[in-house]
N, C-alpha and C. Protein backbone atom coordinates (compact mmCIF):
# COMPACT_ATOMS: atom_id res chain seq x y z
N VAL A 1 3.07 -10.17 -3.44
CA VAL A 1 2.17 -9.70 -4.46
C VAL A 1 2.30 -8.19 -4.54
N GLU A 2 2.41 -7.65 -5.76
CA GLU A 2 2.44 -6.19 -5.89
C GLU A 2 1.14 -5.62 -5.32
N TYR A 3 1.28 -4.72 -4.35
CA TYR A 3 0.11 -4.12 -3.73
C TYR A 3 0.48 -2.76 -3.15
N HIS A 4 -0.27 -1.75 -3.58
CA HIS A 4 -0.08 -0.37 -3.15
C HIS A 4 -1.37 0.38 -3.44
N PRO A 5 -1.49 1.64 -3.04
CA PRO A 5 -2.76 2.35 -3.21
C PRO A 5 -3.26 2.47 -4.65
N PHE A 6 -2.39 2.33 -5.63
CA PHE A 6 -2.79 2.49 -7.02
C PHE A 6 -3.24 1.19 -7.68
N LEU A 7 -3.07 0.07 -6.97
CA LEU A 7 -3.39 -1.25 -7.54
C LEU A 7 -4.35 -1.99 -6.64
N SER A 8 -5.56 -2.17 -7.10
CA SER A 8 -6.56 -2.91 -6.33
C SER A 8 -6.22 -4.40 -6.34
N GLN A 9 -6.24 -4.99 -5.18
CA GLN A 9 -6.02 -6.43 -5.07
C GLN A 9 -7.17 -7.08 -4.30
N THR A 10 -8.38 -6.57 -4.48
CA THR A 10 -9.52 -7.07 -3.72
C THR A 10 -9.79 -8.56 -3.96
N LYS A 11 -9.64 -9.01 -5.19
CA LYS A 11 -9.88 -10.43 -5.48
C LYS A 11 -8.85 -11.32 -4.79
N VAL A 12 -7.60 -10.90 -4.84
CA VAL A 12 -6.53 -11.68 -4.19
C VAL A 12 -6.75 -11.69 -2.68
N LEU A 13 -7.04 -10.52 -2.11
CA LEU A 13 -7.27 -10.43 -0.66
C LEU A 13 -8.43 -11.31 -0.23
N ALA A 14 -9.51 -11.31 -0.98
CA ALA A 14 -10.68 -12.13 -0.63
C ALA A 14 -10.33 -13.61 -0.68
N THR A 15 -9.60 -14.01 -1.69
CA THR A 15 -9.20 -15.42 -1.81
C THR A 15 -8.29 -15.83 -0.67
N LEU A 16 -7.30 -14.99 -0.36
CA LEU A 16 -6.39 -15.30 0.74
C LEU A 16 -7.14 -15.37 2.06
N ALA A 17 -8.07 -14.46 2.29
CA ALA A 17 -8.84 -14.46 3.54
C ALA A 17 -9.64 -15.75 3.69
N ARG A 18 -10.22 -16.22 2.60
CA ARG A 18 -10.99 -17.48 2.65
C ARG A 18 -10.11 -18.66 3.07
N HIS A 19 -8.84 -18.57 2.79
CA HIS A 19 -7.92 -19.66 3.11
C HIS A 19 -7.06 -19.37 4.34
N GLY A 20 -7.35 -18.26 5.03
CA GLY A 20 -6.62 -17.93 6.25
C GLY A 20 -5.17 -17.54 5.99
N MET A 21 -4.90 -16.97 4.84
CA MET A 21 -3.53 -16.61 4.47
C MET A 21 -3.35 -15.10 4.46
N ALA A 22 -2.12 -14.66 4.66
CA ALA A 22 -1.78 -13.24 4.62
C ALA A 22 -1.23 -12.88 3.25
N LEU A 23 -1.28 -11.59 2.94
CA LEU A 23 -0.70 -11.07 1.71
C LEU A 23 0.52 -10.24 2.07
N THR A 24 1.65 -10.55 1.48
CA THR A 24 2.84 -9.73 1.65
C THR A 24 2.89 -8.75 0.49
N ALA A 25 2.78 -7.46 0.81
CA ALA A 25 2.71 -6.40 -0.19
C ALA A 25 4.10 -6.05 -0.70
N TYR A 26 4.37 -6.48 -1.93
CA TYR A 26 5.60 -6.15 -2.63
C TYR A 26 5.42 -4.79 -3.30
N CYS A 27 6.46 -3.98 -3.28
CA CYS A 27 6.43 -2.67 -3.94
C CYS A 27 5.35 -1.76 -3.33
N PRO A 28 5.29 -1.68 -1.99
CA PRO A 28 4.18 -1.00 -1.33
C PRO A 28 4.12 0.51 -1.52
N ILE A 29 5.20 1.11 -1.97
CA ILE A 29 5.15 2.56 -2.24
C ILE A 29 5.20 2.84 -3.73
N ALA A 30 4.90 1.82 -4.52
CA ALA A 30 4.75 1.94 -5.98
C ALA A 30 5.97 2.60 -6.62
N ARG A 31 7.14 2.10 -6.23
CA ARG A 31 8.40 2.63 -6.77
C ARG A 31 8.49 4.14 -6.64
N GLY A 32 8.03 4.64 -5.49
CA GLY A 32 8.13 6.06 -5.18
C GLY A 32 6.97 6.90 -5.64
N LYS A 33 6.03 6.33 -6.36
CA LYS A 33 4.92 7.12 -6.91
C LYS A 33 3.97 7.65 -5.83
N VAL A 34 3.94 7.01 -4.66
CA VAL A 34 3.05 7.52 -3.61
C VAL A 34 3.50 8.88 -3.09
N VAL A 35 4.78 9.17 -3.21
CA VAL A 35 5.35 10.41 -2.66
C VAL A 35 4.63 11.64 -3.21
N GLY A 36 4.33 11.67 -4.48
CA GLY A 36 3.73 12.85 -5.09
C GLY A 36 2.22 12.81 -5.19
N ASP A 37 1.57 11.85 -4.56
CA ASP A 37 0.12 11.74 -4.70
C ASP A 37 -0.59 12.74 -3.78
N PRO A 38 -1.47 13.58 -4.35
CA PRO A 38 -2.13 14.61 -3.55
C PRO A 38 -3.09 14.06 -2.49
N THR A 39 -3.78 12.97 -2.77
CA THR A 39 -4.70 12.39 -1.78
C THR A 39 -3.93 11.88 -0.58
N LEU A 40 -2.86 11.13 -0.83
CA LEU A 40 -2.05 10.60 0.27
C LEU A 40 -1.39 11.73 1.06
N ALA A 41 -0.94 12.77 0.35
CA ALA A 41 -0.31 13.92 1.01
C ALA A 41 -1.32 14.64 1.90
N GLU A 42 -2.54 14.82 1.41
CA GLU A 42 -3.58 15.50 2.20
C GLU A 42 -3.91 14.72 3.47
N ILE A 43 -4.07 13.41 3.32
CA ILE A 43 -4.34 12.57 4.49
C ILE A 43 -3.16 12.62 5.45
N GLY A 44 -1.96 12.56 4.90
CA GLY A 44 -0.76 12.63 5.73
C GLY A 44 -0.67 13.92 6.51
N LYS A 45 -0.99 15.02 5.88
CA LYS A 45 -0.93 16.32 6.54
C LYS A 45 -1.82 16.35 7.78
N ALA A 46 -2.99 15.73 7.68
CA ALA A 46 -3.91 15.68 8.82
C ALA A 46 -3.34 14.90 10.01
N HIS A 47 -2.38 14.02 9.74
CA HIS A 47 -1.78 13.20 10.79
C HIS A 47 -0.33 13.59 11.10
N GLY A 48 0.19 14.58 10.40
CA GLY A 48 1.59 14.93 10.58
C GLY A 48 2.51 13.87 10.02
N LYS A 49 2.08 13.23 8.95
CA LYS A 49 2.83 12.12 8.34
C LYS A 49 3.03 12.38 6.85
N SER A 50 3.94 11.63 6.25
CA SER A 50 4.20 11.75 4.82
C SER A 50 3.24 10.86 4.04
N ALA A 51 3.17 11.10 2.74
CA ALA A 51 2.35 10.26 1.87
C ALA A 51 2.82 8.80 1.93
N THR A 52 4.12 8.60 2.02
CA THR A 52 4.68 7.25 2.13
C THR A 52 4.19 6.56 3.40
N GLN A 53 4.23 7.27 4.50
CA GLN A 53 3.77 6.70 5.77
C GLN A 53 2.28 6.37 5.71
N VAL A 54 1.51 7.20 5.05
CA VAL A 54 0.08 6.93 4.90
C VAL A 54 -0.13 5.67 4.07
N ALA A 55 0.59 5.53 2.97
CA ALA A 55 0.45 4.33 2.12
C ALA A 55 0.81 3.07 2.89
N LEU A 56 1.88 3.12 3.65
CA LEU A 56 2.29 1.95 4.45
C LEU A 56 1.27 1.66 5.54
N ARG A 57 0.78 2.71 6.19
CA ARG A 57 -0.22 2.54 7.25
C ARG A 57 -1.48 1.92 6.66
N TRP A 58 -1.90 2.40 5.48
CA TRP A 58 -3.09 1.85 4.82
C TRP A 58 -2.94 0.34 4.61
N LEU A 59 -1.76 -0.07 4.19
CA LEU A 59 -1.53 -1.50 3.96
C LEU A 59 -1.60 -2.29 5.26
N ILE A 60 -0.82 -1.88 6.26
CA ILE A 60 -0.74 -2.70 7.47
C ILE A 60 -1.98 -2.58 8.34
N GLN A 61 -2.81 -1.59 8.09
CA GLN A 61 -4.05 -1.47 8.85
C GLN A 61 -5.11 -2.44 8.33
N GLN A 62 -4.88 -3.03 7.17
CA GLN A 62 -5.79 -4.04 6.62
C GLN A 62 -5.49 -5.39 7.25
N ASP A 63 -6.53 -6.15 7.55
CA ASP A 63 -6.34 -7.48 8.12
C ASP A 63 -5.58 -8.35 7.14
N GLY A 64 -4.57 -9.04 7.64
CA GLY A 64 -3.85 -10.00 6.83
C GLY A 64 -2.92 -9.42 5.78
N VAL A 65 -2.52 -8.16 5.92
CA VAL A 65 -1.59 -7.56 4.96
C VAL A 65 -0.30 -7.17 5.67
N ILE A 66 0.81 -7.54 5.06
CA ILE A 66 2.15 -7.24 5.54
C ILE A 66 2.83 -6.43 4.45
N ALA A 67 3.48 -5.35 4.80
CA ALA A 67 4.17 -4.52 3.81
C ALA A 67 5.68 -4.69 3.95
N ILE A 68 6.37 -4.79 2.81
CA ILE A 68 7.83 -4.91 2.83
C ILE A 68 8.46 -3.82 1.95
N PRO A 69 8.51 -2.59 2.47
CA PRO A 69 9.17 -1.54 1.69
C PRO A 69 10.67 -1.79 1.63
N ARG A 70 11.26 -1.37 0.53
CA ARG A 70 12.69 -1.59 0.35
C ARG A 70 13.40 -0.25 0.31
N SER A 71 14.49 -0.15 1.07
CA SER A 71 15.30 1.06 1.04
C SER A 71 16.66 0.74 1.64
N SER A 72 17.68 1.42 1.14
CA SER A 72 19.00 1.32 1.76
C SER A 72 19.36 2.64 2.44
N ASN A 73 18.46 3.62 2.36
CA ASN A 73 18.65 4.93 2.96
C ASN A 73 18.14 4.89 4.41
N GLU A 74 19.03 5.18 5.36
CA GLU A 74 18.65 5.08 6.77
C GLU A 74 17.50 6.01 7.13
N GLU A 75 17.46 7.20 6.56
CA GLU A 75 16.36 8.13 6.85
C GLU A 75 15.03 7.59 6.34
N ARG A 76 15.05 7.00 5.16
CA ARG A 76 13.82 6.43 4.60
C ARG A 76 13.36 5.22 5.41
N ILE A 77 14.32 4.41 5.85
CA ILE A 77 13.97 3.25 6.68
C ILE A 77 13.29 3.72 7.96
N ALA A 78 13.86 4.74 8.60
CA ALA A 78 13.27 5.29 9.83
C ALA A 78 11.88 5.85 9.55
N GLU A 79 11.72 6.56 8.42
CA GLU A 79 10.41 7.10 8.05
C GLU A 79 9.41 5.97 7.85
N ASN A 80 9.82 4.92 7.16
CA ASN A 80 8.94 3.78 6.91
C ASN A 80 8.48 3.14 8.22
N LEU A 81 9.39 3.01 9.17
CA LEU A 81 9.05 2.39 10.45
C LEU A 81 8.12 3.26 11.28
N ASN A 82 8.10 4.55 11.00
CA ASN A 82 7.29 5.50 11.76
C ASN A 82 5.87 5.60 11.20
N CYS A 83 5.33 4.47 10.80
CA CYS A 83 3.96 4.45 10.25
C CYS A 83 3.01 3.68 11.16
N VAL A 84 3.47 3.33 12.34
CA VAL A 84 2.64 2.50 13.21
C VAL A 84 2.03 3.26 14.39
N ASP A 85 2.32 4.55 14.50
CA ASP A 85 1.86 5.30 15.67
C ASP A 85 0.64 6.17 15.39
N PHE A 86 -0.12 5.84 14.35
CA PHE A 86 -1.35 6.55 14.06
C PHE A 86 -2.32 5.59 13.36
N GLN A 87 -3.59 5.98 13.33
CA GLN A 87 -4.63 5.17 12.70
C GLN A 87 -5.31 5.99 11.63
N LEU A 88 -5.63 5.38 10.53
CA LEU A 88 -6.44 6.01 9.50
C LEU A 88 -7.92 5.76 9.83
N SER A 89 -8.75 6.75 9.61
CA SER A 89 -10.18 6.57 9.84
C SER A 89 -10.76 5.68 8.74
N ASP A 90 -11.97 5.22 8.98
CA ASP A 90 -12.66 4.43 7.96
C ASP A 90 -12.82 5.24 6.67
N ALA A 91 -13.12 6.54 6.81
CA ALA A 91 -13.29 7.39 5.63
C ALA A 91 -11.96 7.54 4.87
N GLU A 92 -10.86 7.67 5.59
CA GLU A 92 -9.54 7.77 4.94
C GLU A 92 -9.19 6.46 4.25
N MET A 93 -9.46 5.36 4.91
CA MET A 93 -9.20 4.05 4.30
C MET A 93 -10.02 3.91 3.01
N ALA A 94 -11.27 4.34 3.05
CA ALA A 94 -12.13 4.24 1.86
C ALA A 94 -11.60 5.13 0.73
N ARG A 95 -11.13 6.32 1.06
CA ARG A 95 -10.57 7.21 0.02
C ARG A 95 -9.37 6.54 -0.66
N ILE A 96 -8.52 5.92 0.14
CA ILE A 96 -7.33 5.27 -0.43
C ILE A 96 -7.74 4.03 -1.23
N ASN A 97 -8.68 3.26 -0.70
CA ASN A 97 -9.19 2.09 -1.44
C ASN A 97 -9.70 2.49 -2.81
N ALA A 98 -10.36 3.63 -2.89
CA ALA A 98 -10.95 4.09 -4.15
C ALA A 98 -9.90 4.49 -5.18
N MET A 99 -8.66 4.68 -4.77
CA MET A 99 -7.59 5.06 -5.69
C MET A 99 -7.14 3.90 -6.57
N GLY A 100 -7.33 2.68 -6.09
CA GLY A 100 -6.79 1.50 -6.77
C GLY A 100 -7.59 1.06 -7.98
N SER A 101 -6.89 0.50 -8.92
CA SER A 101 -7.52 -0.10 -10.09
C SER A 101 -6.69 -1.30 -10.52
N PRO A 102 -7.27 -2.22 -11.28
CA PRO A 102 -6.49 -3.36 -11.77
C PRO A 102 -5.37 -2.95 -12.73
N GLU A 103 -5.45 -1.75 -13.28
CA GLU A 103 -4.43 -1.29 -14.23
C GLU A 103 -3.30 -0.52 -13.54
N GLY A 104 -3.28 -0.48 -12.23
CA GLY A 104 -2.32 0.34 -11.50
C GLY A 104 -0.96 -0.28 -11.26
N ARG A 105 -0.63 -1.33 -11.95
CA ARG A 105 0.67 -1.99 -11.73
C ARG A 105 1.83 -1.08 -12.10
N VAL A 106 2.91 -1.18 -11.32
CA VAL A 106 4.15 -0.48 -11.66
C VAL A 106 5.28 -1.47 -11.95
N VAL A 107 5.04 -2.73 -11.66
CA VAL A 107 6.02 -3.78 -11.91
C VAL A 107 5.57 -4.56 -13.14
N ASP A 108 6.43 -4.66 -14.14
CA ASP A 108 6.11 -5.39 -15.35
C ASP A 108 7.14 -6.50 -15.52
N ILE A 109 6.71 -7.69 -15.24
CA ILE A 109 7.59 -8.86 -15.35
C ILE A 109 7.10 -9.70 -16.52
N ASP A 110 7.95 -9.89 -17.50
CA ASP A 110 7.56 -10.61 -18.72
C ASP A 110 6.98 -12.00 -18.46
N ILE A 111 7.47 -12.67 -17.44
CA ILE A 111 7.04 -14.05 -17.20
C ILE A 111 5.85 -14.14 -16.26
N ALA A 112 5.31 -12.99 -15.80
CA ALA A 112 4.20 -13.00 -14.87
C ALA A 112 2.92 -13.51 -15.54
N PRO A 113 2.14 -14.26 -14.80
CA PRO A 113 0.85 -14.74 -15.35
C PRO A 113 -0.14 -13.58 -15.41
N GLU A 114 -1.27 -13.78 -16.03
CA GLU A 114 -2.35 -12.80 -16.08
C GLU A 114 -3.12 -12.90 -14.77
N TRP A 115 -2.63 -12.23 -13.73
CA TRP A 115 -3.19 -12.32 -12.39
C TRP A 115 -4.62 -11.83 -12.32
N ASP A 116 -4.96 -10.84 -13.10
CA ASP A 116 -6.25 -10.18 -12.93
C ASP A 116 -7.39 -10.84 -13.68
N ASP A 117 -7.14 -11.92 -14.39
CA ASP A 117 -8.20 -12.60 -15.13
C ASP A 117 -9.12 -13.36 -14.19
């Protein structure tokens, strides 16, 4: 399921949790859009991390969420993997949660159903 800081998936997460299922976050860095986000950069600076690492950490720090970032660049892969050695505070998690909206999709697939209805 497309899931990143700019796209709220609270309804999907709640439904999956009720059924004991995990969410695999597709497109977790929003096709690179997290890189230039000032909120993610500010949080990252406090931890010595990049905005990308913060976005990935935000995802995997949520119960039942798995992130699958895609990259063929070895440096980016190493950066992505380096998101597990820090914790976001509850306040930081809330700030990132507040960034999302149902209109935040970056993937437009013609055959996709109306997920947000």
